[in-house]
């Protein structure tokens, strides 16, 4: 039997997944069932695009429920208490400056299940996070990105 993947996340990230799961099971699932019932009333199912769309949505919802349940079941909660306070690690926010004279940027390094770059949360599997993890304040790091290498200096770790 294959070993299941661990999903690293903060306690907050796990709570968000639990809320999403509750919504999917209690509200969204019921909405889709209602759409299927209504679409059945439109006649011949073989030529009923509303029915096909509702069934597709049902498959998506059920797939997402299974995925979220798996992430919650295999969640590994990130603890920030231990270790060097100046070292970049999972669960910490890191501020860096692109060299030679770029603006400072701050990101929180989280597990892939809760990554959202638009909210300033990057996955520990991203090239940026992989390059920064284990480094300390003041270090200069070269980060390999799809657009080419960039040099950054770690300014702060929280």
N, C-alpha and C. Protein backbone atom coordinates (compact mmCIF):
# COMPACT_ATOMS: atom_id res chain seq x y z
N UNK A 1 0.85 -1.18 0.00
CA UNK A 1 0.00 0.00 0.00
C UNK A 1 0.89 1.24 0.00
N UNK A 2 0.55 2.23 -0.80
CA UNK A 2 1.34 3.44 -0.92
C UNK A 2 1.21 4.30 0.33
N UNK A 3 2.30 4.96 0.67
CA UNK A 3 2.30 5.85 1.82
C UNK A 3 1.61 7.15 1.42
N UNK A 4 0.72 7.65 2.29
CA UNK A 4 -0.02 8.86 1.97
C UNK A 4 0.84 10.09 2.22
N UNK A 5 0.59 11.13 1.42
CA UNK A 5 1.34 12.38 1.53
C UNK A 5 0.90 13.14 2.78
N UNK A 6 1.86 13.75 3.45
CA UNK A 6 1.56 14.62 4.59
C UNK A 6 1.30 16.02 4.06
N UNK A 7 0.34 16.71 4.67
CA UNK A 7 0.01 18.08 4.29
C UNK A 7 0.37 18.99 5.45
N UNK A 8 1.43 19.77 5.29
CA UNK A 8 1.87 20.68 6.33
C UNK A 8 1.00 21.92 6.29
N UNK A 9 0.50 22.32 7.47
CA UNK A 9 -0.35 23.50 7.53
C UNK A 9 -0.38 24.05 8.94
N UNK A 10 -0.80 25.30 9.03
CA UNK A 10 -0.98 25.92 10.33
C UNK A 10 -2.31 25.46 10.90
N UNK A 11 -2.51 25.70 12.17
CA UNK A 11 -3.80 25.37 12.79
C UNK A 11 -4.92 26.15 12.10
N UNK A 12 -4.64 27.39 11.74
CA UNK A 12 -5.61 28.24 11.02
C UNK A 12 -5.97 27.63 9.67
N UNK A 13 -4.98 27.12 8.96
CA UNK A 13 -5.21 26.49 7.67
C UNK A 13 -6.08 25.25 7.80
N UNK A 14 -5.85 24.46 8.84
CA UNK A 14 -6.66 23.26 9.06
C UNK A 14 -8.10 23.64 9.38
N UNK A 15 -8.28 24.70 10.18
CA UNK A 15 -9.63 25.15 10.51
C UNK A 15 -10.37 25.62 9.25
N UNK A 16 -9.66 26.30 8.33
CA UNK A 16 -10.29 26.74 7.08
C UNK A 16 -10.74 25.53 6.25
N UNK A 17 -9.90 24.51 6.20
CA UNK A 17 -10.28 23.30 5.47
C UNK A 17 -11.49 22.62 6.11
N UNK A 18 -11.53 22.59 7.43
CA UNK A 18 -12.68 21.99 8.13
C UNK A 18 -13.95 22.77 7.84
N UNK A 19 -13.84 24.11 7.78
CA UNK A 19 -15.01 24.94 7.45
C UNK A 19 -15.45 24.69 6.01
N UNK A 20 -14.50 24.59 5.09
CA UNK A 20 -14.84 24.30 3.70
C UNK A 20 -15.53 22.94 3.59
N UNK A 21 -15.00 21.94 4.28
CA UNK A 21 -15.60 20.61 4.25
C UNK A 21 -17.03 20.64 4.77
N UNK A 22 -17.25 21.34 5.86
CA UNK A 22 -18.60 21.46 6.42
C UNK A 22 -19.54 22.11 5.41
N UNK A 23 -19.09 23.19 4.77
CA UNK A 23 -19.91 23.87 3.76
C UNK A 23 -20.22 22.94 2.59
N UNK A 24 -19.21 22.24 2.09
CA UNK A 24 -19.41 21.34 0.95
C UNK A 24 -20.41 20.24 1.27
N UNK A 25 -20.31 19.67 2.48
CA UNK A 25 -21.18 18.55 2.85
C UNK A 25 -22.59 18.98 3.20
N UNK A 26 -22.74 20.14 3.83
CA UNK A 26 -24.06 20.54 4.31
C UNK A 26 -24.83 21.43 3.34
N UNK A 27 -24.15 22.33 2.65
CA UNK A 27 -24.85 23.27 1.78
C UNK A 27 -24.66 22.97 0.29
N UNK A 28 -23.41 22.91 -0.14
CA UNK A 28 -23.14 22.77 -1.57
C UNK A 28 -23.69 21.47 -2.14
N UNK A 29 -23.49 20.38 -1.40
CA UNK A 29 -23.99 19.08 -1.84
C UNK A 29 -25.51 19.14 -2.06
N UNK A 30 -26.22 19.78 -1.12
CA UNK A 30 -27.67 19.89 -1.20
C UNK A 30 -28.10 20.75 -2.39
N UNK A 31 -27.36 21.84 -2.63
CA UNK A 31 -27.66 22.71 -3.78
C UNK A 31 -27.55 21.93 -5.09
N UNK A 32 -26.53 21.12 -5.22
CA UNK A 32 -26.32 20.35 -6.45
C UNK A 32 -27.41 19.31 -6.63
N UNK A 33 -27.81 18.66 -5.54
CA UNK A 33 -28.89 17.67 -5.61
C UNK A 33 -30.18 18.35 -6.10
N UNK A 34 -30.45 19.54 -5.61
CA UNK A 34 -31.63 20.29 -6.06
C UNK A 34 -31.54 20.62 -7.54
N UNK A 35 -30.36 21.04 -8.00
CA UNK A 35 -30.18 21.35 -9.42
C UNK A 35 -30.41 20.11 -10.28
N UNK A 36 -29.97 18.96 -9.81
CA UNK A 36 -30.18 17.71 -10.56
C UNK A 36 -31.68 17.39 -10.63
N UNK A 37 -32.39 17.55 -9.50
CA UNK A 37 -33.83 17.29 -9.48
C UNK A 37 -34.57 18.19 -10.48
N UNK A 38 -34.22 19.47 -10.48
CA UNK A 38 -34.86 20.43 -11.38
C UNK A 38 -34.55 20.07 -12.83
N UNK A 39 -33.29 19.74 -13.11
CA UNK A 39 -32.87 19.43 -14.48
C UNK A 39 -33.55 18.16 -14.99
N UNK A 40 -33.81 17.21 -14.10
CA UNK A 40 -34.50 15.98 -14.52
C UNK A 40 -35.90 16.29 -15.07
N UNK A 41 -36.49 17.36 -14.54
CA UNK A 41 -37.82 17.74 -14.97
C UNK A 41 -37.87 18.34 -16.37
N UNK A 42 -36.71 18.62 -16.96
CA UNK A 42 -36.66 19.23 -18.29
C UNK A 42 -36.79 18.21 -19.41
N UNK A 43 -36.95 16.95 -19.07
CA UNK A 43 -37.18 15.97 -20.12
C UNK A 43 -36.02 15.02 -20.35
N UNK A 44 -35.87 14.59 -21.59
CA UNK A 44 -34.90 13.60 -22.04
C UNK A 44 -33.50 13.90 -21.50
N UNK A 45 -32.97 13.01 -20.66
CA UNK A 45 -31.67 13.23 -20.04
C UNK A 45 -30.52 13.16 -21.04
N UNK A 46 -30.69 12.47 -22.14
CA UNK A 46 -29.60 12.32 -23.12
C UNK A 46 -29.31 13.63 -23.85
N UNK A 47 -30.27 14.55 -23.87
CA UNK A 47 -30.07 15.84 -24.55
C UNK A 47 -30.26 17.02 -23.59
N UNK A 48 -30.04 16.77 -22.32
CA UNK A 48 -30.33 17.77 -21.29
C UNK A 48 -29.02 18.36 -20.76
N UNK A 49 -28.66 19.54 -21.27
CA UNK A 49 -27.39 20.15 -20.88
C UNK A 49 -27.40 20.61 -19.42
N UNK A 50 -28.55 21.02 -18.91
CA UNK A 50 -28.64 21.42 -17.49
C UNK A 50 -28.34 20.23 -16.58
N UNK A 51 -28.86 19.06 -16.96
CA UNK A 51 -28.63 17.85 -16.18
C UNK A 51 -27.14 17.48 -16.23
N UNK A 52 -26.55 17.53 -17.43
CA UNK A 52 -25.12 17.22 -17.58
C UNK A 52 -24.26 18.15 -16.75
N UNK A 53 -24.58 19.45 -16.77
CA UNK A 53 -23.81 20.44 -16.00
C UNK A 53 -23.95 20.17 -14.50
N UNK A 54 -25.15 19.86 -14.04
CA UNK A 54 -25.37 19.58 -12.62
C UNK A 54 -24.63 18.31 -12.20
N UNK A 55 -24.62 17.29 -13.05
CA UNK A 55 -23.89 16.06 -12.73
C UNK A 55 -22.38 16.31 -12.69
N UNK A 56 -21.89 17.15 -13.61
CA UNK A 56 -20.47 17.51 -13.60
C UNK A 56 -20.12 18.25 -12.31
N UNK A 57 -20.99 19.17 -11.91
CA UNK A 57 -20.74 19.89 -10.67
C UNK A 57 -20.77 18.95 -9.47
N UNK A 58 -21.68 17.99 -9.50
CA UNK A 58 -21.75 17.01 -8.42
C UNK A 58 -20.44 16.22 -8.33
N UNK A 59 -19.91 15.82 -9.47
CA UNK A 59 -18.64 15.09 -9.48
C UNK A 59 -17.51 15.95 -8.93
N UNK A 60 -17.50 17.24 -9.30
CA UNK A 60 -16.48 18.15 -8.79
C UNK A 60 -16.58 18.29 -7.27
N UNK A 61 -17.80 18.50 -6.77
CA UNK A 61 -18.01 18.68 -5.32
C UNK A 61 -17.57 17.42 -4.57
N UNK A 62 -17.96 16.25 -5.06
CA UNK A 62 -17.59 15.00 -4.38
C UNK A 62 -16.07 14.79 -4.41
N UNK A 63 -15.45 15.16 -5.51
CA UNK A 63 -13.99 15.05 -5.61
C UNK A 63 -13.31 15.99 -4.62
N UNK A 64 -13.82 17.21 -4.51
CA UNK A 64 -13.24 18.19 -3.59
C UNK A 64 -13.43 17.72 -2.14
N UNK A 65 -14.60 17.16 -1.83
CA UNK A 65 -14.83 16.64 -0.48
C UNK A 65 -13.80 15.57 -0.15
N UNK A 66 -13.58 14.64 -1.06
CA UNK A 66 -12.59 13.57 -0.83
C UNK A 66 -11.20 14.15 -0.65
N UNK A 67 -10.86 15.14 -1.46
CA UNK A 67 -9.54 15.77 -1.38
C UNK A 67 -9.34 16.48 -0.04
N UNK A 68 -10.34 17.25 0.38
CA UNK A 68 -10.24 17.99 1.64
C UNK A 68 -10.19 17.02 2.82
N UNK A 69 -11.00 15.97 2.78
CA UNK A 69 -10.96 14.97 3.86
C UNK A 69 -9.58 14.34 3.96
N UNK A 70 -8.96 14.06 2.82
CA UNK A 70 -7.62 13.47 2.79
C UNK A 70 -6.60 14.44 3.39
N UNK A 71 -6.70 15.73 3.02
CA UNK A 71 -5.76 16.72 3.56
C UNK A 71 -5.90 16.85 5.07
N UNK A 72 -7.14 16.86 5.56
CA UNK A 72 -7.37 16.97 7.00
C UNK A 72 -6.85 15.72 7.72
N UNK A 73 -7.13 14.56 7.15
CA UNK A 73 -6.70 13.29 7.76
C UNK A 73 -5.17 13.20 7.84
N UNK A 74 -4.47 13.76 6.85
CA UNK A 74 -3.01 13.67 6.80
C UNK A 74 -2.32 14.99 7.14
N UNK A 75 -3.05 15.83 7.86
CA UNK A 75 -2.49 17.14 8.24
C UNK A 75 -1.39 16.99 9.27
N UNK A 76 -0.34 17.77 9.07
CA UNK A 76 0.73 17.88 10.06
C UNK A 76 0.77 19.35 10.43
N UNK A 77 0.42 19.63 11.69
CA UNK A 77 0.34 21.02 12.13
C UNK A 77 1.75 21.56 12.37
N UNK A 78 1.98 22.75 11.83
CA UNK A 78 3.28 23.42 11.94
C UNK A 78 3.37 24.09 13.31
N UNK A 79 4.42 23.79 14.02
CA UNK A 79 4.70 24.42 15.31
C UNK A 79 5.90 25.34 15.16
N UNK A 80 5.74 26.60 15.56
CA UNK A 80 6.82 27.59 15.41
C UNK A 80 7.67 27.76 16.66
N UNK A 81 7.32 27.11 17.75
CA UNK A 81 7.94 27.40 19.04
C UNK A 81 9.41 27.02 19.12
N UNK A 82 9.77 25.93 18.50
CA UNK A 82 11.13 25.42 18.64
C UNK A 82 12.05 26.04 17.59
N UNK A 83 13.34 25.96 17.85
CA UNK A 83 14.32 26.35 16.84
C UNK A 83 14.77 27.79 16.94
N UNK A 84 15.64 28.14 16.02
CA UNK A 84 16.25 29.45 15.95
C UNK A 84 15.23 30.48 15.47
N UNK A 85 15.04 31.55 16.22
CA UNK A 85 14.05 32.58 15.87
C UNK A 85 14.47 33.39 14.65
N UNK A 86 15.75 33.36 14.28
CA UNK A 86 16.24 34.11 13.13
C UNK A 86 16.30 33.26 11.86
N UNK A 87 15.92 31.99 11.98
CA UNK A 87 16.01 31.08 10.84
C UNK A 87 14.66 30.94 10.14
N UNK A 88 14.69 30.97 8.84
CA UNK A 88 13.48 30.80 8.04
C UNK A 88 13.04 29.34 8.12
N UNK A 89 11.76 29.13 8.44
CA UNK A 89 11.23 27.77 8.49
C UNK A 89 9.73 27.80 8.20
N UNK A 90 9.19 26.64 8.05
CA UNK A 90 7.77 26.47 7.78
C UNK A 90 6.95 27.12 8.89
N UNK A 91 5.96 27.90 8.51
CA UNK A 91 5.09 28.57 9.48
C UNK A 91 5.53 29.97 9.85
N UNK A 92 6.71 30.38 9.41
CA UNK A 92 7.20 31.72 9.73
C UNK A 92 7.01 32.67 8.55
N UNK A 93 6.94 33.96 8.88
CA UNK A 93 6.92 34.99 7.85
C UNK A 93 8.34 35.45 7.62
N UNK A 94 8.70 35.64 6.37
CA UNK A 94 10.04 36.09 6.03
C UNK A 94 9.93 37.34 5.15
N UNK A 95 10.74 38.34 5.51
CA UNK A 95 10.81 39.56 4.71
C UNK A 95 12.18 39.57 4.04
N UNK A 96 12.18 39.78 2.72
CA UNK A 96 13.44 39.82 1.98
C UNK A 96 13.41 40.98 1.00
N UNK A 97 14.61 41.36 0.59
CA UNK A 97 14.75 42.44 -0.39
C UNK A 97 15.46 41.88 -1.61
N UNK A 98 14.88 42.14 -2.78
CA UNK A 98 15.53 41.71 -4.01
C UNK A 98 16.74 42.61 -4.24
N UNK A 99 17.88 42.00 -4.52
CA UNK A 99 19.12 42.76 -4.71
C UNK A 99 19.29 43.14 -6.18
N UNK A 100 19.90 44.23 -6.51
CA UNK A 100 20.62 45.12 -5.62
C UNK A 100 19.75 46.15 -4.91
N UNK A 101 18.63 46.58 -5.48
CA UNK A 101 17.88 47.67 -4.84
C UNK A 101 16.37 47.50 -4.98
N UNK A 102 15.89 46.29 -4.83
CA UNK A 102 14.45 46.03 -4.97
C UNK A 102 13.68 46.36 -3.71
N UNK A 103 12.37 46.31 -3.83
CA UNK A 103 11.49 46.55 -2.68
C UNK A 103 11.50 45.34 -1.76
N UNK A 104 11.14 45.58 -0.51
CA UNK A 104 11.01 44.47 0.43
C UNK A 104 9.67 43.78 0.20
N UNK A 105 9.68 42.45 0.33
CA UNK A 105 8.47 41.64 0.21
C UNK A 105 8.41 40.72 1.41
N UNK A 106 7.20 40.47 1.89
CA UNK A 106 7.01 39.57 3.03
C UNK A 106 6.04 38.46 2.65
N UNK A 107 6.43 37.23 2.96
CA UNK A 107 5.59 36.06 2.71
C UNK A 107 5.63 35.15 3.92
N UNK A 108 4.52 34.49 4.15
CA UNK A 108 4.48 33.45 5.17
C UNK A 108 4.66 32.12 4.45
N UNK A 109 5.55 31.28 4.96
CA UNK A 109 5.80 29.97 4.35
C UNK A 109 4.87 28.96 5.00
N UNK A 110 4.00 28.38 4.18
CA UNK A 110 2.99 27.44 4.66
C UNK A 110 3.04 26.17 3.82
N UNK A 111 2.28 25.17 4.22
CA UNK A 111 2.19 23.95 3.43
C UNK A 111 1.40 24.20 2.15
N UNK A 112 1.53 23.30 1.20
CA UNK A 112 0.89 23.48 -0.10
C UNK A 112 -0.63 23.55 -0.01
N UNK A 113 -1.22 22.94 1.01
CA UNK A 113 -2.68 22.93 1.13
C UNK A 113 -3.26 24.30 1.40
N UNK A 114 -2.49 25.20 2.00
CA UNK A 114 -3.03 26.53 2.31
C UNK A 114 -2.29 27.67 1.61
N UNK A 115 -1.44 27.35 0.65
CA UNK A 115 -0.71 28.38 -0.07
C UNK A 115 -1.67 29.28 -0.85
N UNK A 116 -1.42 30.59 -0.80
CA UNK A 116 -2.19 31.58 -1.54
C UNK A 116 -1.31 32.81 -1.71
N UNK A 117 -0.57 32.88 -2.82
CA UNK A 117 0.36 34.00 -3.02
C UNK A 117 -0.31 35.37 -2.95
N UNK A 118 -1.59 35.45 -3.33
CA UNK A 118 -2.29 36.73 -3.29
C UNK A 118 -2.55 37.19 -1.86
N UNK A 119 -2.50 36.26 -0.90
CA UNK A 119 -2.63 36.60 0.51
C UNK A 119 -1.28 36.58 1.21
N UNK A 120 -0.20 36.48 0.44
CA UNK A 120 1.14 36.49 1.02
C UNK A 120 1.55 35.17 1.65
N UNK A 121 0.95 34.06 1.21
CA UNK A 121 1.29 32.73 1.73
C UNK A 121 1.85 31.89 0.60
N UNK A 122 3.12 31.49 0.73
CA UNK A 122 3.74 30.67 -0.31
C UNK A 122 3.99 29.25 0.20
N UNK A 123 3.91 28.31 -0.72
CA UNK A 123 4.09 26.90 -0.39
C UNK A 123 5.55 26.59 -0.06
N UNK A 124 5.72 25.70 0.90
CA UNK A 124 7.07 25.25 1.23
C UNK A 124 7.70 24.49 0.07
N UNK A 125 6.89 24.10 -0.93
CA UNK A 125 7.40 23.41 -2.11
C UNK A 125 7.81 24.37 -3.23
N UNK A 126 7.53 25.68 -3.05
CA UNK A 126 7.86 26.66 -4.10
C UNK A 126 9.37 26.90 -4.16
N UNK A 127 9.87 27.29 -5.32
CA UNK A 127 11.31 27.56 -5.44
C UNK A 127 11.79 28.63 -4.45
N UNK A 128 10.98 29.66 -4.23
CA UNK A 128 11.36 30.73 -3.29
C UNK A 128 11.51 30.16 -1.88
N UNK A 129 10.51 29.44 -1.40
CA UNK A 129 10.55 28.90 -0.04
C UNK A 129 11.68 27.88 0.11
N UNK A 130 11.85 27.01 -0.88
CA UNK A 130 12.92 26.01 -0.80
C UNK A 130 14.28 26.68 -0.66
N UNK A 131 14.47 27.81 -1.33
CA UNK A 131 15.75 28.52 -1.26
C UNK A 131 15.95 29.22 0.07
N UNK A 132 14.85 29.66 0.70
CA UNK A 132 14.95 30.45 1.93
C UNK A 132 14.96 29.61 3.20
N UNK A 133 14.29 28.45 3.18
CA UNK A 133 14.19 27.63 4.40
C UNK A 133 15.59 27.21 4.86
N UNK A 134 15.82 27.41 6.16
CA UNK A 134 17.11 27.07 6.76
C UNK A 134 18.10 28.22 6.76
N UNK A 135 17.77 29.30 6.08
CA UNK A 135 18.65 30.47 6.03
C UNK A 135 18.29 31.42 7.17
N UNK A 136 19.18 32.39 7.45
CA UNK A 136 18.96 33.30 8.57
C UNK A 136 18.97 34.75 8.12
N UNK A 137 18.51 35.62 9.04
CA UNK A 137 18.49 37.06 8.78
C UNK A 137 19.89 37.52 8.38
N UNK A 138 19.96 38.35 7.33
CA UNK A 138 21.22 38.90 6.86
C UNK A 138 21.85 38.11 5.72
N UNK A 139 21.44 36.87 5.54
CA UNK A 139 22.01 36.04 4.47
C UNK A 139 21.49 36.49 3.11
N UNK A 140 22.37 36.38 2.12
CA UNK A 140 21.98 36.62 0.73
C UNK A 140 21.83 35.27 0.06
N UNK A 141 20.72 35.13 -0.69
CA UNK A 141 20.35 33.85 -1.27
C UNK A 141 20.03 34.03 -2.75
N UNK A 142 20.48 33.09 -3.57
CA UNK A 142 20.09 33.08 -4.98
C UNK A 142 18.92 32.12 -5.13
N UNK A 143 17.84 32.64 -5.71
CA UNK A 143 16.61 31.86 -5.88
C UNK A 143 16.42 31.57 -7.36
N UNK A 144 16.31 30.29 -7.70
CA UNK A 144 16.06 29.90 -9.09
C UNK A 144 14.55 29.98 -9.32
N UNK A 145 14.14 30.85 -10.24
CA UNK A 145 12.72 30.98 -10.58
C UNK A 145 12.54 30.68 -12.06
N UNK A 146 11.32 30.43 -12.48
CA UNK A 146 11.08 30.17 -13.90
C UNK A 146 11.54 31.33 -14.80
N UNK A 147 11.52 32.55 -14.25
CA UNK A 147 11.94 33.72 -15.02
C UNK A 147 13.43 33.99 -14.93
N UNK A 148 14.17 33.15 -14.25
CA UNK A 148 15.61 33.34 -14.08
C UNK A 148 15.98 33.51 -12.62
N UNK A 149 17.26 33.41 -12.33
CA UNK A 149 17.74 33.52 -10.95
C UNK A 149 17.60 34.96 -10.45
N UNK A 150 17.22 35.08 -9.15
CA UNK A 150 17.22 36.39 -8.51
C UNK A 150 17.97 36.27 -7.19
N UNK A 151 18.62 37.36 -6.81
CA UNK A 151 19.33 37.40 -5.54
C UNK A 151 18.49 38.20 -4.56
N UNK A 152 18.36 37.66 -3.33
CA UNK A 152 17.61 38.33 -2.29
C UNK A 152 18.41 38.33 -1.00
N UNK A 153 18.10 39.29 -0.15
CA UNK A 153 18.71 39.34 1.18
C UNK A 153 17.58 39.23 2.20
N UNK A 154 17.75 38.32 3.16
CA UNK A 154 16.74 38.12 4.20
C UNK A 154 16.85 39.26 5.19
N UNK A 155 15.77 39.99 5.37
CA UNK A 155 15.75 41.18 6.22
C UNK A 155 15.17 40.87 7.60
N UNK A 156 14.11 40.04 7.63
CA UNK A 156 13.45 39.75 8.90
C UNK A 156 12.77 38.39 8.85
N UNK A 157 12.67 37.75 10.02
CA UNK A 157 11.95 36.48 10.15
C UNK A 157 11.07 36.58 11.39
N UNK A 158 9.80 36.27 11.25
CA UNK A 158 8.87 36.33 12.39
C UNK A 158 8.17 35.01 12.56
